[in-house]
Amino acid sequence: MSGARRVGKVKVKKKCCRSTPRCKSCPVVVLLKAREKAAKMAAKQERKARKERERGKKAGKKSGKKGDLKPAA
């Protein structure tokens, strides 16, 4: 292998040429895009977990009626 690798459809260069603006196959750009994608996925999972916790709280409130409780003996 020549040192280049693929991330998705983009062939990543081995070394950055430091041109402005940076090219799409630049390793710096690919690293930043990967971090951005990971942050989005983490935020999405956090929203999903928060939503599940809220559903659990609401379900607990609905099932707890006064008539359902048995007095302690």
PDB file of N, CA and C in Angstrom:
ATOM      1  N   MET A   1       0.836  -1.173   0.000  1.00  0.00           N
ATOM      2  CA  MET A   1       0.000   0.000   0.000  1.00  0.00           C
ATOM      3  C   MET A   1       0.881   1.237   0.000  1.00  0.00           C
ATOM      4  N   SER A   2       0.439   2.289  -0.645  1.00  0.00           N
ATOM      5  CA  SER A   2       1.259   3.478  -0.829  1.00  0.00           C
ATOM      6  C   SER A   2       1.166   4.475   0.317  1.00  0.00           C
ATOM      7  N   GLY A   3       0.469   4.151   1.386  1.00  0.00           N
ATOM      8  CA  GLY A   3       0.350   5.078   2.500  1.00  0.00           C
ATOM      9  C   GLY A   3      -0.974   5.817   2.528  1.00  0.00           C
ATOM     10  N   ALA A   4      -1.701   5.799   1.419  1.00  0.00           N
ATOM     11  CA  ALA A   4      -3.012   6.450   1.388  1.00  0.00           C
ATOM     12  C   ALA A   4      -4.060   5.447   1.841  1.00  0.00           C
ATOM     13  N   ARG A   5      -5.084   5.941   2.493  1.00  0.00           N
ATOM     14  CA  ARG A   5      -6.157   5.058   2.918  1.00  0.00           C
ATOM     15  C   ARG A   5      -7.487   5.702   2.563  1.00  0.00           C
ATOM     16  N   ARG A   6      -8.536   4.934   2.671  1.00  0.00           N
ATOM     17  CA  ARG A   6      -9.863   5.429   2.314  1.00  0.00           C
ATOM     18  C   ARG A   6     -10.709   5.581   3.568  1.00  0.00           C
ATOM     19  N   VAL A   7     -11.417   6.687   3.626  1.00  0.00           N
ATOM     20  CA  VAL A   7     -12.414   6.906   4.666  1.00  0.00           C
ATOM     21  C   VAL A   7     -13.690   7.238   3.920  1.00  0.00           C
ATOM     22  N   GLY A   8     -14.607   6.285   3.896  1.00  0.00           N
ATOM     23  CA  GLY A   8     -15.812   6.457   3.092  1.00  0.00           C
ATOM     24  C   GLY A   8     -15.438   6.430   1.625  1.00  0.00           C
ATOM     25  N   LYS A   9     -15.793   7.467   0.912  1.00  0.00           N
ATOM     26  CA  LYS A   9     -15.477   7.546  -0.516  1.00  0.00           C
ATOM     27  C   LYS A   9     -14.201   8.338  -0.772  1.00  0.00           C
ATOM     28  N   VAL A  10     -13.659   8.985   0.260  1.00  0.00           N
ATOM     29  CA  VAL A  10     -12.508   9.868   0.098  1.00  0.00           C
ATOM     30  C   VAL A  10     -11.212   9.106   0.323  1.00  0.00           C
ATOM     31  N   LYS A  11     -10.282   9.283  -0.588  1.00  0.00           N
ATOM     32  CA  LYS A  11      -8.946   8.705  -0.438  1.00  0.00           C
ATOM     33  C   LYS A  11      -8.101   9.737   0.308  1.00  0.00           C
ATOM     34  N   VAL A  12      -7.648   9.382   1.513  1.00  0.00           N
ATOM     35  CA  VAL A  12      -6.921  10.317   2.367  1.00  0.00           C
ATOM     36  C   VAL A  12      -5.449  10.313   1.998  1.00  0.00           C
ATOM     37  N   LYS A  13      -4.897  11.528   1.849  1.00  0.00           N
ATOM     38  CA  LYS A  13      -3.481  11.655   1.533  1.00  0.00           C
ATOM     39  C   LYS A  13      -2.635  11.323   2.760  1.00  0.00           C
ATOM     40  N   LYS A  14      -1.394  10.991   2.526  1.00  0.00           N
ATOM     41  CA  LYS A  14      -0.484  10.644   3.612  1.00  0.00           C
ATOM     42  C   LYS A  14      -0.033  11.884   4.366  1.00  0.00           C
ATOM     43  N   LYS A  15       0.165  12.980   3.655  1.00  0.00           N
ATOM     44  CA  LYS A  15       0.691  14.192   4.272  1.00  0.00           C
ATOM     45  C   LYS A  15      -0.102  15.412   3.791  1.00  0.00           C
ATOM     46  N   CYS A  16      -0.280  16.378   4.685  1.00  0.00           N
ATOM     47  CA  CYS A  16      -1.019  17.594   4.354  1.00  0.00           C
ATOM     48  C   CYS A  16      -0.122  18.520   3.528  1.00  0.00           C
ATOM     49  N   CYS A  17      -0.713  19.140   2.484  1.00  0.00           N
ATOM     50  CA  CYS A  17       0.061  20.063   1.654  1.00  0.00           C
ATOM     51  C   CYS A  17      -0.041  21.507   2.161  1.00  0.00           C
ATOM     52  N   ARG A  18      -0.873  21.753   3.160  1.00  0.00           N
ATOM     53  CA  ARG A  18      -1.062  23.055   3.821  1.00  0.00           C
ATOM     54  C   ARG A  18      -1.539  24.156   2.880  1.00  0.00           C
ATOM     55  N   SER A  19      -2.235  23.785   1.836  1.00  0.00           N
ATOM     56  CA  SER A  19      -2.788  24.803   0.947  1.00  0.00           C
ATOM     57  C   SER A  19      -4.025  25.424   1.584  1.00  0.00           C
ATOM     58  N   THR A  20      -4.391  26.613   1.110  1.00  0.00           N
ATOM     59  CA  THR A  20      -5.572  27.281   1.634  1.00  0.00           C
ATOM     60  C   THR A  20      -6.549  27.494   0.494  1.00  0.00           C
ATOM     61  N   PRO A  21      -7.757  27.083   0.542  1.00  0.00           N
ATOM     62  CA  PRO A  21      -8.370  26.256   1.585  1.00  0.00           C
ATOM     63  C   PRO A  21      -7.884  24.812   1.488  1.00  0.00           C
ATOM     64  N   ARG A  22      -8.015  24.097   2.572  1.00  0.00           N
ATOM     65  CA  ARG A  22      -7.529  22.712   2.588  1.00  0.00           C
ATOM     66  C   ARG A  22      -8.381  21.841   1.671  1.00  0.00           C
ATOM     67  N   CYS A  23      -7.700  20.900   1.004  1.00  0.00           N
ATOM     68  CA  CYS A  23      -8.413  20.024   0.073  1.00  0.00           C
ATOM     69  C   CYS A  23      -9.210  18.962   0.842  1.00  0.00           C
ATOM     70  N   LYS A  24     -10.160  18.340   0.168  1.00  0.00           N
ATOM     71  CA  LYS A  24     -11.037  17.366   0.820  1.00  0.00           C
ATOM     72  C   LYS A  24     -10.306  16.096   1.227  1.00  0.00           C
ATOM     73  N   SER A  25      -9.217  15.774   0.572  1.00  0.00           N
ATOM     74  CA  SER A  25      -8.484  14.552   0.893  1.00  0.00           C
ATOM     75  C   SER A  25      -7.357  14.800   1.891  1.00  0.00           C
ATOM     76  N   CYS A  26      -7.303  15.992   2.445  1.00  0.00           N
ATOM     77  CA  CYS A  26      -6.292  16.338   3.434  1.00  0.00           C
ATOM     78  C   CYS A  26      -6.553  15.574   4.734  1.00  0.00           C
ATOM     79  N   PRO A  27      -5.533  15.012   5.374  1.00  0.00           N
ATOM     80  CA  PRO A  27      -5.755  14.274   6.620  1.00  0.00           C
ATOM     81  C   PRO A  27      -6.322  15.144   7.739  1.00  0.00           C
ATOM     82  N   VAL A  28      -6.002  16.426   7.741  1.00  0.00           N
ATOM     83  CA  VAL A  28      -6.522  17.333   8.762  1.00  0.00           C
ATOM     84  C   VAL A  28      -8.033  17.488   8.601  1.00  0.00           C
ATOM     85  N   VAL A  29      -8.482  17.677   7.373  1.00  0.00           N
ATOM     86  CA  VAL A  29      -9.907  17.840   7.092  1.00  0.00           C
ATOM     87  C   VAL A  29     -10.657  16.562   7.435  1.00  0.00           C
ATOM     88  N   VAL A  30     -10.098  15.426   7.072  1.00  0.00           N
ATOM     89  CA  VAL A  30     -10.750  14.142   7.344  1.00  0.00           C
ATOM     90  C   VAL A  30     -10.863  13.921   8.855  1.00  0.00           C
ATOM     91  N   LEU A  31      -9.830  14.278   9.605  1.00  0.00           N
ATOM     92  CA  LEU A  31      -9.861  14.138  11.061  1.00  0.00           C
ATOM     93  C   LEU A  31     -10.935  15.034  11.671  1.00  0.00           C
ATOM     94  N   LEU A  32     -11.025  16.272  11.216  1.00  0.00           N
ATOM     95  CA  LEU A  32     -12.039  17.197  11.725  1.00  0.00           C
ATOM     96  C   LEU A  32     -13.451  16.706  11.403  1.00  0.00           C
ATOM     97  N   LYS A  33     -13.635  16.179  10.194  1.00  0.00           N
ATOM     98  CA  LYS A  33     -14.949  15.656   9.807  1.00  0.00           C
ATOM     99  C   LYS A  33     -15.322  14.447  10.666  1.00  0.00           C
ATOM    100  N   ALA A  34     -14.337  13.592  10.953  1.00  0.00           N
ATOM    101  CA  ALA A  34     -14.596  12.410  11.776  1.00  0.00           C
ATOM    102  C   ALA A  34     -14.989  12.820  13.197  1.00  0.00           C
ATOM    103  N   ARG A  35     -14.308  13.823  13.748  1.00  0.00           N
ATOM    104  CA  ARG A  35     -14.644  14.311  15.087  1.00  0.00           C
ATOM    105  C   ARG A  35     -16.041  14.918  15.107  1.00  0.00           C
ATOM    106  N   GLU A  36     -16.359  15.671  14.065  1.00  0.00           N
ATOM    107  CA  GLU A  36     -17.673  16.305  13.957  1.00  0.00           C
ATOM    108  C   GLU A  36     -18.777  15.245  13.896  1.00  0.00           C
ATOM    109  N   LYS A  37     -18.532  14.204  13.127  1.00  0.00           N
ATOM    110  CA  LYS A  37     -19.510  13.123  13.001  1.00  0.00           C
ATOM    111  C   LYS A  37     -19.684  12.398  14.331  1.00  0.00           C
ATOM    112  N   ALA A  38     -18.569  12.157  15.035  1.00  0.00           N
ATOM    113  CA  ALA A  38     -18.648  11.485  16.332  1.00  0.00           C
ATOM    114  C   ALA A  38     -19.410  12.332  17.347  1.00  0.00           C
ATOM    115  N   ALA A  39     -19.212  13.639  17.313  1.00  0.00           N
ATOM    116  CA  ALA A  39     -19.922  14.537  18.233  1.00  0.00           C
ATOM    117  C   ALA A  39     -21.420  14.533  17.936  1.00  0.00           C
ATOM    118  N   LYS A  40     -21.775  14.512  16.663  1.00  0.00           N
ATOM    119  CA  LYS A  40     -23.189  14.465  16.281  1.00  0.00           C
ATOM    120  C   LYS A  40     -23.834  13.166  16.763  1.00  0.00           C
ATOM    121  N   MET A  41     -23.125  12.059  16.598  1.00  0.00           N
ATOM    122  CA  MET A  41     -23.658  10.777  17.024  1.00  0.00           C
ATOM    123  C   MET A  41     -23.828  10.728  18.540  1.00  0.00           C
ATOM    124  N   ALA A  42     -22.863  11.283  19.276  1.00  0.00           N
ATOM    125  CA  ALA A  42     -22.959  11.308  20.737  1.00  0.00           C
ATOM    126  C   ALA A  42     -24.139  12.160  21.180  1.00  0.00           C
ATOM    127  N   ALA A  43     -24.348  13.289  20.518  1.00  0.00           N
ATOM    128  CA  ALA A  43     -25.481  14.163  20.852  1.00  0.00           C
ATOM    129  C   ALA A  43     -26.797  13.460  20.550  1.00  0.00           C
ATOM    130  N   LYS A  44     -26.836  12.739  19.460  1.00  0.00           N
ATOM    131  CA  LYS A  44     -28.047  12.022  19.087  1.00  0.00           C
ATOM    132  C   LYS A  44     -28.360  10.933  20.114  1.00  0.00           C
ATOM    133  N   GLN A  45     -27.341  10.203  20.546  1.00  0.00           N
ATOM    134  CA  GLN A  45     -27.545   9.159  21.552  1.00  0.00           C
ATOM    135  C   GLN A  45     -27.980   9.762  22.881  1.00  0.00           C
ATOM    136  N   GLU A  46     -27.435  10.922  23.238  1.00  0.00           N
ATOM    137  CA  GLU A  46     -27.821  11.594  24.474  1.00  0.00           C
ATOM    138  C   GLU A  46     -29.287  12.019  24.426  1.00  0.00           C
ATOM    139  N   ARG A  47     -29.713  12.583  23.288  1.00  0.00           N
ATOM    140  CA  ARG A  47     -31.118  12.964  23.139  1.00  0.00           C
ATOM    141  C   ARG A  47     -32.024  11.751  23.249  1.00  0.00           C
ATOM    142  N   LYS A  48     -31.595  10.655  22.639  1.00  0.00           N
ATOM    143  CA  LYS A  48     -32.381   9.427  22.661  1.00  0.00           C
ATOM    144  C   LYS A  48     -32.489   8.891  24.094  1.00  0.00           C
ATOM    145  N   ALA A  49     -31.395   8.904  24.838  1.00  0.00           N
ATOM    146  CA  ALA A  49     -31.389   8.428  26.223  1.00  0.00           C
ATOM    147  C   ALA A  49     -32.267   9.323  27.093  1.00  0.00           C
ATOM    148  N   ARG A  50     -32.189  10.638  26.897  1.00  0.00           N
ATOM    149  CA  ARG A  50     -32.998  11.577  27.670  1.00  0.00           C
ATOM    150  C   ARG A  50     -34.481  11.339  27.403  1.00  0.00           C
ATOM    151  N   LYS A  51     -34.810  11.090  26.143  1.00  0.00           N
ATOM    152  CA  LYS A  51     -36.194  10.836  25.770  1.00  0.00           C
ATOM    153  C   LYS A  51     -36.704   9.558  26.450  1.00  0.00           C
ATOM    154  N   GLU A  52     -35.874   8.524  26.483  1.00  0.00           N
ATOM    155  CA  GLU A  52     -36.251   7.266  27.127  1.00  0.00           C
ATOM    156  C   GLU A  52     -36.450   7.461  28.625  1.00  0.00           C
ATOM    157  N   ARG A  53     -35.598   8.261  29.265  1.00  0.00           N
ATOM    158  CA  ARG A  53     -35.744   8.525  30.706  1.00  0.00           C
ATOM    159  C   ARG A  53     -37.047   9.258  30.982  1.00  0.00           C
ATOM    160  N   GLU A  54     -37.372  10.234  30.118  1.00  0.00           N
ATOM    161  CA  GLU A  54     -38.620  10.985  30.290  1.00  0.00           C
ATOM    162  C   GLU A  54     -39.827  10.077  30.111  1.00  0.00           C
ATOM    163  N   ARG A  55     -39.760   9.161  29.176  1.00  0.00           N
ATOM    164  CA  ARG A  55     -40.864   8.212  28.981  1.00  0.00           C
ATOM    165  C   ARG A  55     -41.022   7.334  30.204  1.00  0.00           C
ATOM    166  N   GLY A  56     -39.912   6.916  30.797  1.00  0.00           N
ATOM    167  CA  GLY A  56     -39.957   6.085  31.996  1.00  0.00           C
ATOM    168  C   GLY A  56     -40.579   6.817  33.165  1.00  0.00           C
ATOM    169  N   LYS A  57     -40.261   8.091  33.318  1.00  0.00           N
ATOM    170  CA  LYS A  57     -40.822   8.888  34.411  1.00  0.00           C
ATOM    171  C   LYS A  57     -42.317   9.065  34.221  1.00  0.00           C
ATOM    172  N   LYS A  58     -42.727   9.373  32.992  1.00  0.00           N
ATOM    173  CA  LYS A  58     -44.146   9.577  32.717  1.00  0.00           C
ATOM    174  C   LYS A  58     -44.931   8.291  32.928  1.00  0.00           C
ATOM    175  N   ALA A  59     -44.390   7.158  32.531  1.00  0.00           N
ATOM    176  CA  ALA A  59     -45.072   5.881  32.694  1.00  0.00           C
ATOM    177  C   ALA A  59     -45.229   5.558  34.176  1.00  0.00           C
ATOM    178  N   GLY A  60     -44.228   5.901  34.975  1.00  0.00           N
ATOM    179  CA  GLY A  60     -44.297   5.663  36.415  1.00  0.00           C
ATOM    180  C   GLY A  60     -45.363   6.503  37.071  1.00  0.00           C
ATOM    181  N   LYS A  61     -45.556   7.721  36.627  1.00  0.00           N
ATOM    182  CA  LYS A  61     -46.566   8.617  37.206  1.00  0.00           C
ATOM    183  C   LYS A  61     -47.975   8.141  36.856  1.00  0.00           C
ATOM    184  N   LYS A  62     -48.168   7.651  35.658  1.00  0.00           N
ATOM    185  CA  LYS A  62     -49.490   7.235  35.220  1.00  0.00           C
ATOM    186  C   LYS A  62     -49.969   6.003  35.983  1.00  0.00           C
ATOM    187  N   SER A  63     -49.076   5.079  36.286  1.00  0.00           N
ATOM    188  CA  SER A  63     -49.487   3.830  36.917  1.00  0.00           C
ATOM    189  C   SER A  63     -49.686   3.998  38.435  1.00  0.00           C
ATOM    190  N   GLY A  64     -49.174   5.027  39.015  1.00  0.00           N
ATOM    191  CA  GLY A  64     -49.276   5.190  40.459  1.00  0.00           C
ATOM    192  C   GLY A  64     -50.544   5.911  40.866  1.00  0.00           C
ATOM    193  N   LYS A  65     -51.631   5.192  41.071  1.00  0.00           N
ATOM    194  CA  LYS A  65     -52.895   5.783  41.506  1.00  0.00           C
ATOM    195  C   LYS A  65     -53.053   5.561  42.996  1.00  0.00           C
ATOM    196  N   LYS A  66     -53.876   6.372  43.655  1.00  0.00           N
ATOM    197  CA  LYS A  66     -54.080   6.255  45.088  1.00  0.00           C
ATOM    198  C   LYS A  66     -54.743   4.941  45.457  1.00  0.00           C
ATOM    199  N   GLY A  67     -55.692   4.454  44.661  1.00  0.00           N
ATOM    200  CA  GLY A  67     -56.415   3.232  44.957  1.00  0.00           C
ATOM    201  C   GLY A  67     -55.567   1.987  44.773  1.00  0.00           C
ATOM    202  N   ASP A  68     -54.473   2.085  44.031  1.00  0.00           N
ATOM    203  CA  ASP A  68     -53.628   0.918  43.758  1.00  0.00           C
ATOM    204  C   ASP A  68     -52.718   0.578  44.935  1.00  0.00           C
ATOM    205  N   LEU A  69     -52.468   1.542  45.793  1.00  0.00           N
ATOM    206  CA  LEU A  69     -51.540   1.305  46.895  1.00  0.00           C
ATOM    207  C   LEU A  69     -52.211   0.498  48.000  1.00  0.00           C
ATOM    208  N   LYS A  70     -51.535  -0.501  48.502  1.00  0.00           N
ATOM    209  CA  LYS A  70     -52.045  -1.311  49.594  1.00  0.00           C
ATOM    210  C   LYS A  70     -51.421  -0.799  50.893  1.00  0.00           C
ATOM    211  N   PRO A  71     -52.186  -0.685  51.958  1.00  0.00           N
ATOM    212  CA  PRO A  71     -51.615  -0.214  53.218  1.00  0.00           C
ATOM    213  C   PRO A  71     -50.659  -1.272  53.795  1.00  0.00           C
ATOM    214  N   ALA A  72     -49.607  -0.792  54.422  1.00  0.00           N
ATOM    215  CA  ALA A  72     -48.623  -1.685  55.025  1.00  0.00           C
ATOM    216  C   ALA A  72     -49.222  -2.351  56.251  1.00  0.00           C
ATOM    217  N   ALA A  73     -48.951  -3.632  56.437  1.00  0.00           N
ATOM    218  CA  ALA A  73     -49.524  -4.370  57.565  1.00  0.00           C
ATOM    219  C   ALA A  73     -48.714  -4.223  58.833  1.00  0.00           C
TER     220      ALA A  73
END
